[in-house]
PDB file of N, CA and C in Angstrom:
ATOM      1  N   MET A   1      -7.922  -9.627 -16.697  1.00  0.00           N
ATOM      2  CA  MET A   1      -7.037 -10.359 -17.604  1.00  0.00           C
ATOM      3  C   MET A   1      -6.490 -11.584 -16.879  1.00  0.00           C
ATOM      4  N   MET A   2      -6.569 -12.711 -17.493  1.00  0.00           N
ATOM      5  CA  MET A   2      -6.109 -13.952 -16.878  1.00  0.00           C
ATOM      6  C   MET A   2      -4.610 -14.126 -17.103  1.00  0.00           C
ATOM      7  N   SER A   3      -3.972 -14.745 -16.150  1.00  0.00           N
ATOM      8  CA  SER A   3      -2.540 -15.018 -16.241  1.00  0.00           C
ATOM      9  C   SER A   3      -2.299 -16.094 -17.298  1.00  0.00           C
ATOM     10  N   THR A   4      -1.193 -15.975 -18.013  1.00  0.00           N
ATOM     11  CA  THR A   4      -0.855 -16.993 -18.995  1.00  0.00           C
ATOM     12  C   THR A   4       0.029 -18.069 -18.367  1.00  0.00           C
ATOM     13  N   LYS A   5       0.436 -17.857 -17.136  1.00  0.00           N
ATOM     14  CA  LYS A   5       1.265 -18.834 -16.440  1.00  0.00           C
ATOM     15  C   LYS A   5       0.382 -19.862 -15.748  1.00  0.00           C
ATOM     16  N   ASP A   6       0.886 -21.083 -15.639  1.00  0.00           N
ATOM     17  CA  ASP A   6       0.179 -22.087 -14.857  1.00  0.00           C
ATOM     18  C   ASP A   6       0.349 -21.756 -13.382  1.00  0.00           C
ATOM     19  N   PRO A   7      -0.673 -22.009 -12.571  1.00  0.00           N
ATOM     20  CA  PRO A   7      -0.565 -21.756 -11.131  1.00  0.00           C
ATOM     21  C   PRO A   7       0.525 -22.616 -10.493  1.00  0.00           C
ATOM     22  N   VAL A   8       1.002 -22.165  -9.362  1.00  0.00           N
ATOM     23  CA  VAL A   8       2.009 -22.909  -8.612  1.00  0.00           C
ATOM     24  C   VAL A   8       1.558 -23.048  -7.165  1.00  0.00           C
ATOM     25  N   VAL A   9       2.148 -24.004  -6.484  1.00  0.00           N
ATOM     26  CA  VAL A   9       1.967 -24.155  -5.045  1.00  0.00           C
ATOM     27  C   VAL A   9       3.361 -24.038  -4.441  1.00  0.00           C
ATOM     28  N   PHE A  10       3.489 -23.115  -3.497  1.00  0.00           N
ATOM     29  CA  PHE A  10       4.787 -22.888  -2.877  1.00  0.00           C
ATOM     30  C   PHE A  10       5.008 -23.822  -1.694  1.00  0.00           C
ATOM     31  N   GLU A  11       6.260 -24.151  -1.480  1.00  0.00           N
ATOM     32  CA  GLU A  11       6.674 -24.944  -0.330  1.00  0.00           C
ATOM     33  C   GLU A  11       7.767 -24.154   0.386  1.00  0.00           C
ATOM     34  N   VAL A  12       7.745 -24.215   1.700  1.00  0.00           N
ATOM     35  CA  VAL A  12       8.761 -23.524   2.495  1.00  0.00           C
ATOM     36  C   VAL A  12       9.544 -24.564   3.287  1.00  0.00           C
ATOM     37  N   GLU A  13      10.849 -24.513   3.182  1.00  0.00           N
ATOM     38  CA  GLU A  13      11.717 -25.374   3.981  1.00  0.00           C
ATOM     39  C   GLU A  13      11.809 -24.725   5.352  1.00  0.00           C
ATOM     40  N   TRP A  14      10.981 -25.215   6.276  1.00  0.00           N
ATOM     41  CA  TRP A  14      10.839 -24.567   7.583  1.00  0.00           C
ATOM     42  C   TRP A  14      12.130 -24.551   8.393  1.00  0.00           C
ATOM     43  N   ASN A  15      13.005 -25.517   8.201  1.00  0.00           N
ATOM     44  CA  ASN A  15      14.276 -25.520   8.933  1.00  0.00           C
ATOM     45  C   ASN A  15      15.222 -24.432   8.440  1.00  0.00           C
ATOM     46  N   ALA A  16      15.022 -23.977   7.210  1.00  0.00           N
ATOM     47  CA  ALA A  16      15.879 -22.930   6.652  1.00  0.00           C
ATOM     48  C   ALA A  16      15.258 -21.541   6.792  1.00  0.00           C
ATOM     49  N   CYS A  17      13.944 -21.468   6.814  1.00  0.00           N
ATOM     50  CA  CYS A  17      13.236 -20.180   6.855  1.00  0.00           C
ATOM     51  C   CYS A  17      13.584 -19.407   8.124  1.00  0.00           C
ATOM     52  N   ILE A  18      13.938 -18.133   7.935  1.00  0.00           N
ATOM     53  CA  ILE A  18      14.272 -17.286   9.090  1.00  0.00           C
ATOM     54  C   ILE A  18      13.105 -16.367   9.468  1.00  0.00           C
ATOM     55  N   LYS A  19      11.967 -16.558   8.809  1.00  0.00           N
ATOM     56  CA  LYS A  19      10.733 -15.815   9.105  1.00  0.00           C
ATOM     57  C   LYS A  19      10.956 -14.303   9.085  1.00  0.00           C
ATOM     58  N   CYS A  20      11.644 -13.841   8.045  1.00  0.00           N
ATOM     59  CA  CYS A  20      11.965 -12.419   7.919  1.00  0.00           C
ATOM     60  C   CYS A  20      10.809 -11.604   7.353  1.00  0.00           C
ATOM     61  N   GLY A  21       9.868 -12.268   6.688  1.00  0.00           N
ATOM     62  CA  GLY A  21       8.709 -11.573   6.137  1.00  0.00           C
ATOM     63  C   GLY A  21       8.922 -10.968   4.763  1.00  0.00           C
ATOM     64  N   ALA A  22      10.092 -11.141   4.170  1.00  0.00           N
ATOM     65  CA  ALA A  22      10.365 -10.563   2.857  1.00  0.00           C
ATOM     66  C   ALA A  22       9.406 -11.102   1.802  1.00  0.00           C
ATOM     67  N   CYS A  23       9.085 -12.383   1.874  1.00  0.00           N
ATOM     68  CA  CYS A  23       8.195 -12.992   0.882  1.00  0.00           C
ATOM     69  C   CYS A  23       6.793 -12.384   0.945  1.00  0.00           C
ATOM     70  N   VAL A  24       6.306 -12.127   2.144  1.00  0.00           N
ATOM     71  CA  VAL A  24       4.990 -11.524   2.317  1.00  0.00           C
ATOM     72  C   VAL A  24       5.019 -10.073   1.838  1.00  0.00           C
ATOM     73  N   ALA A  25       6.114  -9.373   2.099  1.00  0.00           N
ATOM     74  CA  ALA A  25       6.226  -7.961   1.739  1.00  0.00           C
ATOM     75  C   ALA A  25       6.161  -7.733   0.230  1.00  0.00           C
ATOM     76  N   VAL A  26       6.686  -8.653  -0.572  1.00  0.00           N
ATOM     77  CA  VAL A  26       6.694  -8.460  -2.028  1.00  0.00           C
ATOM     78  C   VAL A  26       5.533  -9.143  -2.741  1.00  0.00           C
ATOM     79  N   CYS A  27       4.738  -9.897  -2.022  1.00  0.00           N
ATOM     80  CA  CYS A  27       3.663 -10.675  -2.640  1.00  0.00           C
ATOM     81  C   CYS A  27       2.512  -9.780  -3.108  1.00  0.00           C
ATOM     82  N   PRO A  28       2.156  -9.848  -4.401  1.00  0.00           N
ATOM     83  CA  PRO A  28       1.040  -9.047  -4.904  1.00  0.00           C
ATOM     84  C   PRO A  28      -0.328  -9.715  -4.719  1.00  0.00           C
ATOM     85  N   GLN A  29      -0.346 -10.894  -4.112  1.00  0.00           N
ATOM     86  CA  GLN A  29      -1.616 -11.578  -3.863  1.00  0.00           C
ATOM     87  C   GLN A  29      -2.456 -10.769  -2.890  1.00  0.00           C
ATOM     88  N   GLU A  30      -3.744 -11.075  -2.840  1.00  0.00           N
ATOM     89  CA  GLU A  30      -4.635 -10.422  -1.894  1.00  0.00           C
ATOM     90  C   GLU A  30      -4.148 -10.676  -0.471  1.00  0.00           C
ATOM     91  N   ALA A  31      -4.488  -9.761   0.408  1.00  0.00           N
ATOM     92  CA  ALA A  31      -4.148  -9.934   1.827  1.00  0.00           C
ATOM     93  C   ALA A  31      -4.698 -11.274   2.290  1.00  0.00           C
ATOM     94  N   GLY A  32      -3.949 -11.952   3.112  1.00  0.00           N
ATOM     95  CA  GLY A  32      -4.380 -13.256   3.598  1.00  0.00           C
ATOM     96  C   GLY A  32      -3.708 -14.419   2.892  1.00  0.00           C
ATOM     97  N   PHE A  33      -2.891 -14.132   1.868  1.00  0.00           N
ATOM     98  CA  PHE A  33      -2.175 -15.217   1.192  1.00  0.00           C
ATOM     99  C   PHE A  33      -0.891 -15.505   1.958  1.00  0.00           C
ATOM    100  N   THR A  34      -1.074 -15.852   3.232  1.00  0.00           N
ATOM    101  CA  THR A  34       0.061 -16.122   4.105  1.00  0.00           C
ATOM    102  C   THR A  34      -0.200 -17.377   4.916  1.00  0.00           C
ATOM    103  N   SER A  35       0.860 -17.921   5.465  1.00  0.00           N
ATOM    104  CA  SER A  35       0.730 -19.070   6.361  1.00  0.00           C
ATOM    105  C   SER A  35       0.594 -18.548   7.788  1.00  0.00           C
ATOM    106  N   SER A  36       0.384 -19.430   8.700  1.00  0.00           N
ATOM    107  CA  SER A  36       0.286 -19.031  10.107  1.00  0.00           C
ATOM    108  C   SER A  36       1.651 -18.624  10.678  1.00  0.00           C
ATOM    109  N   PHE A  37       2.709 -18.772   9.886  1.00  0.00           N
ATOM    110  CA  PHE A  37       4.054 -18.396  10.315  1.00  0.00           C
ATOM    111  C   PHE A  37       4.526 -17.114   9.638  1.00  0.00           C
ATOM    112  N   ASP A  38       3.589 -16.312   9.112  1.00  0.00           N
ATOM    113  CA  ASP A  38       3.912 -15.057   8.415  1.00  0.00           C
ATOM    114  C   ASP A  38       4.858 -15.251   7.242  1.00  0.00           C
ATOM    115  N   THR A  39       4.621 -16.308   6.501  1.00  0.00           N
ATOM    116  CA  THR A  39       5.316 -16.513   5.233  1.00  0.00           C
ATOM    117  C   THR A  39       4.225 -16.597   4.170  1.00  0.00           C
ATOM    118  N   ILE A  40       4.620 -16.727   2.926  1.00  0.00           N
ATOM    119  CA  ILE A  40       3.625 -16.909   1.882  1.00  0.00           C
ATOM    120  C   ILE A  40       2.874 -18.210   2.136  1.00  0.00           C
ATOM    121  N   ALA A  41       1.717 -18.317   1.554  1.00  0.00           N
ATOM    122  CA  ALA A  41       0.880 -19.504   1.755  1.00  0.00           C
ATOM    123  C   ALA A  41       1.525 -20.744   1.157  1.00  0.00           C
ATOM    124  N   VAL A  42       1.342 -21.843   1.835  1.00  0.00           N
ATOM    125  CA  VAL A  42       1.759 -23.139   1.324  1.00  0.00           C
ATOM    126  C   VAL A  42       0.498 -23.981   1.178  1.00  0.00           C
ATOM    127  N   ASN A  43       0.546 -24.979   0.312  1.00  0.00           N
ATOM    128  CA  ASN A  43      -0.605 -25.847   0.058  1.00  0.00           C
ATOM    129  C   ASN A  43      -1.827 -25.073  -0.423  1.00  0.00           C
ATOM    130  N   LYS A  44      -1.588 -23.964  -1.118  1.00  0.00           N
ATOM    131  CA  LYS A  44      -2.664 -23.153  -1.684  1.00  0.00           C
ATOM    132  C   LYS A  44      -2.201 -22.683  -3.053  1.00  0.00           C
ATOM    133  N   ALA A  45      -3.016 -22.898  -4.068  1.00  0.00           N
ATOM    134  CA  ALA A  45      -2.619 -22.538  -5.427  1.00  0.00           C
ATOM    135  C   ALA A  45      -2.464 -21.030  -5.579  1.00  0.00           C
ATOM    136  N   CYS A  46      -1.366 -20.623  -6.190  1.00  0.00           N
ATOM    137  CA  CYS A  46      -1.104 -19.215  -6.491  1.00  0.00           C
ATOM    138  C   CYS A  46      -1.264 -19.047  -7.996  1.00  0.00           C
ATOM    139  N   ASP A  47      -2.307 -18.347  -8.406  1.00  0.00           N
ATOM    140  CA  ASP A  47      -2.564 -18.184  -9.831  1.00  0.00           C
ATOM    141  C   ASP A  47      -1.764 -17.052 -10.471  1.00  0.00           C
ATOM    142  N   ILE A  48      -1.117 -16.224  -9.673  1.00  0.00           N
ATOM    143  CA  ILE A  48      -0.294 -15.147 -10.216  1.00  0.00           C
ATOM    144  C   ILE A  48       1.057 -15.699 -10.692  1.00  0.00           C
ATOM    145  N   ALA A  49       1.667 -16.542  -9.876  1.00  0.00           N
ATOM    146  CA  ALA A  49       2.943 -17.194 -10.199  1.00  0.00           C
ATOM    147  C   ALA A  49       4.021 -16.212 -10.655  1.00  0.00           C
ATOM    148  N   CYS A  50       4.125 -15.074  -9.967  1.00  0.00           N
ATOM    149  CA  CYS A  50       5.133 -14.076 -10.326  1.00  0.00           C
ATOM    150  C   CYS A  50       6.526 -14.464  -9.844  1.00  0.00           C
ATOM    151  N   MET A  51       6.577 -15.292  -8.807  1.00  0.00           N
ATOM    152  CA  MET A  51       7.813 -15.799  -8.232  1.00  0.00           C
ATOM    153  C   MET A  51       8.628 -14.759  -7.471  1.00  0.00           C
ATOM    154  N   PHE A  52       8.032 -13.598  -7.177  1.00  0.00           N
ATOM    155  CA  PHE A  52       8.743 -12.578  -6.410  1.00  0.00           C
ATOM    156  C   PHE A  52       9.194 -13.118  -5.062  1.00  0.00           C
ATOM    157  N   CYS A  53       8.313 -13.865  -4.397  1.00  0.00           N
ATOM    158  CA  CYS A  53       8.636 -14.386  -3.060  1.00  0.00           C
ATOM    159  C   CYS A  53       9.839 -15.324  -3.098  1.00  0.00           C
ATOM    160  N   GLN A  54       9.869 -16.185  -4.090  1.00  0.00           N
ATOM    161  CA  GLN A  54      10.972 -17.141  -4.201  1.00  0.00           C
ATOM    162  C   GLN A  54      12.269 -16.408  -4.517  1.00  0.00           C
ATOM    163  N   THR A  55      12.196 -15.381  -5.340  1.00  0.00           N
ATOM    164  CA  THR A  55      13.375 -14.611  -5.730  1.00  0.00           C
ATOM    165  C   THR A  55      13.948 -13.814  -4.562  1.00  0.00           C
ATOM    166  N   VAL A  56      13.073 -13.244  -3.727  1.00  0.00           N
ATOM    167  CA  VAL A  56      13.528 -12.359  -2.652  1.00  0.00           C
ATOM    168  C   VAL A  56      13.992 -13.109  -1.400  1.00  0.00           C
ATOM    169  N   CYS A  57      13.676 -14.375  -1.271  1.00  0.00           N
ATOM    170  CA  CYS A  57      14.032 -15.124  -0.060  1.00  0.00           C
ATOM    171  C   CYS A  57      15.551 -15.162   0.138  1.00  0.00           C
ATOM    172  N   PRO A  58      16.035 -14.604   1.255  1.00  0.00           N
ATOM    173  CA  PRO A  58      17.482 -14.514   1.461  1.00  0.00           C
ATOM    174  C   PRO A  58      18.157 -15.850   1.770  1.00  0.00           C
ATOM    175  N   VAL A  59      17.378 -16.859   2.123  1.00  0.00           N
ATOM    176  CA  VAL A  59      17.969 -18.157   2.459  1.00  0.00           C
ATOM    177  C   VAL A  59      17.503 -19.266   1.516  1.00  0.00           C
ATOM    178  N   ASN A  60      16.868 -18.887   0.415  1.00  0.00           N
ATOM    179  CA  ASN A  60      16.399 -19.847  -0.591  1.00  0.00           C
ATOM    180  C   ASN A  60      15.534 -20.955   0.008  1.00  0.00           C
ATOM    181  N   ALA A  61      14.657 -20.579   0.929  1.00  0.00           N
ATOM    182  CA  ALA A  61      13.811 -21.566   1.599  1.00  0.00           C
ATOM    183  C   ALA A  61      12.509 -21.843   0.850  1.00  0.00           C
ATOM    184  N   ILE A  62      12.222 -21.085  -0.203  1.00  0.00           N
ATOM    185  CA  ILE A  62      10.963 -21.227  -0.932  1.00  0.00           C
ATOM    186  C   ILE A  62      11.188 -21.930  -2.257  1.00  0.00           C
ATOM    187  N   THR A  63      10.425 -22.972  -2.489  1.00  0.00           N
ATOM    188  CA  THR A  63      10.414 -23.675  -3.765  1.00  0.00           C
ATOM    189  C   THR A  63       8.965 -23.757  -4.218  1.00  0.00           C
ATOM    190  N   HIS A  64       8.738 -24.304  -5.397  1.00  0.00           N
ATOM    191  CA  HIS A  64       7.373 -24.402  -5.896  1.00  0.00           C
ATOM    192  C   HIS A  64       7.173 -25.627  -6.764  1.00  0.00           C
ATOM    193  N   GLN A  65       5.926 -25.998  -6.882  1.00  0.00           N
ATOM    194  CA  GLN A  65       5.485 -27.048  -7.799  1.00  0.00           C
ATOM    195  C   GLN A  65       4.519 -26.376  -8.759  1.00  0.00           C
ATOM    196  N   THR A  66       4.670 -26.608 -10.046  1.00  0.00           N
ATOM    197  CA  THR A  66       3.744 -26.040 -11.022  1.00  0.00           C
ATOM    198  C   THR A  66       2.537 -26.936 -11.159  1.00  0.00           C
ATOM    199  N   LEU A  67       1.380 -26.312 -11.143  1.00  0.00           N
ATOM    200  CA  LEU A  67       0.136 -27.017 -11.391  1.00  0.00           C
ATOM    201  C   LEU A  67      -0.302 -26.726 -12.808  1.00  0.00           C
ATOM    202  N   PHE A  68      -0.918 -27.671 -13.430  1.00  0.00           N
ATOM    203  CA  PHE A  68      -1.507 -27.394 -14.735  1.00  0.00           C
ATOM    204  C   PHE A  68      -2.883 -26.798 -14.479  1.00  0.00           C
ATOM    205  N   SER A  69      -3.347 -25.965 -15.359  1.00  0.00           N
ATOM    206  CA  SER A  69      -4.598 -25.233 -15.165  1.00  0.00           C
ATOM    207  C   SER A  69      -5.756 -26.118 -14.742  1.00  0.00           C
ATOM    208  N   THR A  70      -5.823 -27.340 -15.248  1.00  0.00           N
ATOM    209  CA  THR A  70      -6.928 -28.227 -14.881  1.00  0.00           C
ATOM    210  C   THR A  70      -6.788 -28.715 -13.444  1.00  0.00           C
ATOM    211  N   GLU A  71      -5.559 -28.860 -12.950  1.00  0.00           N
ATOM    212  CA  GLU A  71      -5.341 -29.271 -11.568  1.00  0.00           C
ATOM    213  C   GLU A  71      -5.751 -28.171 -10.606  1.00  0.00           C
ATOM    214  N   ALA A  72      -5.492 -26.933 -10.952  1.00  0.00           N
ATOM    215  CA  ALA A  72      -5.781 -25.815 -10.056  1.00  0.00           C
ATOM    216  C   ALA A  72      -7.261 -25.705  -9.757  1.00  0.00           C
ATOM    217  N   ALA A  73      -8.092 -26.102 -10.696  1.00  0.00           N
ATOM    218  CA  ALA A  73      -9.537 -25.988 -10.505  1.00  0.00           C
ATOM    219  C   ALA A  73     -10.027 -26.896  -9.391  1.00  0.00           C
ATOM    220  N   VAL A  74      -9.352 -28.019  -9.184  1.00  0.00           N
ATOM    221  CA  VAL A  74      -9.797 -28.956  -8.151  1.00  0.00           C
ATOM    222  C   VAL A  74      -8.947 -28.874  -6.896  1.00  0.00           C
ATOM    223  N   PHE A  75      -7.894 -28.069  -6.901  1.00  0.00           N
ATOM    224  CA  PHE A  75      -7.000 -27.965  -5.769  1.00  0.00           C
ATOM    225  C   PHE A  75      -7.655 -27.288  -4.673  1.00  0.00           C
TER     226      PHE A  75
END
């Protein structure tokens, strides 16, 4: 079943991130949807767009940009 939400790309404010791993712990994406800093992936389209990672971040370091479905295909 395809998601009805448009994909998003997450951004992490690295100066605020405390690298607690909460975002990775709640992420339903396949293993490997992480950055080299053990946070959720940045600069990679997330087609689930559940926003669990952004919600659970204790320091509000995660934001996102919404992609339209046609943009995600070429991202």
